[in-house]
Amino acid sequence: MTLVDIHNAKSQLSGLLDAVAAGSSVTITREGSPVARLVPCEEDIREQRLGFLRGHGTVPADFDDFEAGPIETQFEDK
């Protein structure tokens, strides 16, 4: 673990990020007290859910007309 003063962290951020990407952690201090820690990100690998039902059903051609009559009558001016 590397300790870096906030002023040095500002000027060395790119190098610190390279070190973190390589697996190390960096603690940023202000007046000797730790205020933040740079650590490598854990990859969040989630299963892609978009389109998971593709091919399991169909939408009928008259879908937009389904129950159109009763719905329209509810919104007509009376």
Protein backbone atom coordinates (compact mmCIF):
# COMPACT_ATOMS: atom_id res chain seq x y z
CA MET A 1 0.00 0.00 0.00
CA THR A 2 1.30 3.40 -1.00
CA LEU A 3 0.65 6.62 0.97
CA VAL A 4 0.47 9.81 -1.08
CA ASP A 5 -0.26 13.37 0.02
CA ILE A 6 -3.24 14.93 -1.75
CA HIS A 7 -1.06 17.54 -3.49
CA ASN A 8 1.24 14.86 -4.90
CA ALA A 9 -1.77 12.74 -5.85
CA LYS A 10 -3.10 15.58 -8.00
CA SER A 11 0.13 15.82 -9.95
CA GLN A 12 0.77 12.06 -10.12
CA LEU A 13 -2.78 10.79 -10.70
CA SER A 14 -2.03 9.07 -14.00
CA GLY A 15 0.89 7.16 -12.50
CA LEU A 16 -1.12 6.26 -9.41
CA LEU A 17 -3.90 4.87 -11.58
CA ASP A 18 -1.34 2.76 -13.46
CA ALA A 19 -0.14 1.35 -10.13
CA VAL A 20 -3.71 0.61 -9.05
CA ALA A 21 -4.44 -1.07 -12.38
CA ALA A 22 -1.41 -3.28 -11.74
CA GLY A 23 -3.01 -4.45 -8.50
CA SER A 24 -1.69 -2.14 -5.80
CA SER A 25 -3.70 0.19 -3.59
CA VAL A 26 -2.97 3.84 -2.87
CA THR A 27 -4.08 5.78 0.18
CA ILE A 28 -4.41 9.52 -0.27
CA THR A 29 -3.74 11.60 2.83
CA ARG A 30 -4.44 15.17 3.87
CA GLU A 31 -2.14 16.55 6.56
CA GLY A 32 -1.06 12.99 7.39
CA SER A 33 -4.57 11.59 7.84
CA PRO A 34 -6.00 9.14 5.30
CA VAL A 35 -8.99 10.54 3.38
CA ALA A 36 -9.36 8.21 0.38
CA ARG A 37 -8.13 4.94 -1.04
CA LEU A 38 -7.62 4.03 -4.68
CA VAL A 39 -8.15 0.32 -5.25
CA PRO A 40 -8.61 -1.76 -8.39
CA CYS A 41 -12.22 -2.09 -9.53
CA GLU A 42 -13.79 -5.48 -9.26
CA GLU A 43 -15.27 -6.35 -12.59
CA ASP A 44 -19.00 -6.55 -12.31
CA ILE A 45 -19.86 -9.34 -14.69
CA ARG A 46 -23.60 -9.61 -14.96
CA GLU A 47 -25.58 -11.84 -17.18
CA GLN A 48 -26.98 -9.86 -20.08
CA ARG A 49 -30.74 -9.93 -19.72
CA LEU A 50 -31.78 -7.87 -22.73
CA GLY A 51 -33.51 -10.07 -25.29
CA PHE A 52 -33.53 -13.18 -23.10
CA LEU A 53 -37.01 -14.15 -24.34
CA ARG A 54 -36.18 -13.71 -28.02
CA GLY A 55 -37.68 -16.53 -30.03
CA HIS A 56 -40.00 -17.70 -27.25
CA GLY A 57 -43.12 -15.97 -28.48
CA THR A 58 -44.67 -13.79 -31.12
CA VAL A 59 -46.65 -10.59 -31.25
CA PRO A 60 -49.82 -10.91 -33.31
CA ALA A 61 -50.20 -8.61 -36.33
CA ASP A 62 -53.37 -7.07 -34.86
CA PHE A 63 -51.76 -6.33 -31.47
CA ASP A 64 -52.41 -2.58 -31.72
CA ASP A 65 -56.08 -3.21 -32.40
CA PHE A 66 -56.58 -5.58 -29.46
CA GLU A 67 -59.44 -4.29 -27.28
CA ALA A 68 -59.31 -0.98 -29.21
CA GLY A 69 -63.10 -0.64 -29.25
CA PRO A 70 -63.73 -0.78 -25.48
CA ILE A 71 -60.71 1.42 -24.73
CA GLU A 72 -61.74 4.09 -27.24
CA THR A 73 -65.25 4.26 -25.78
CA GLN A 74 -63.79 5.05 -22.35
CA PHE A 75 -62.03 8.11 -23.70
CA GLU A 76 -64.75 9.48 -25.98
CA ASP A 77 -66.47 12.70 -25.06
CA LYS A 78 -69.88 12.03 -23.62
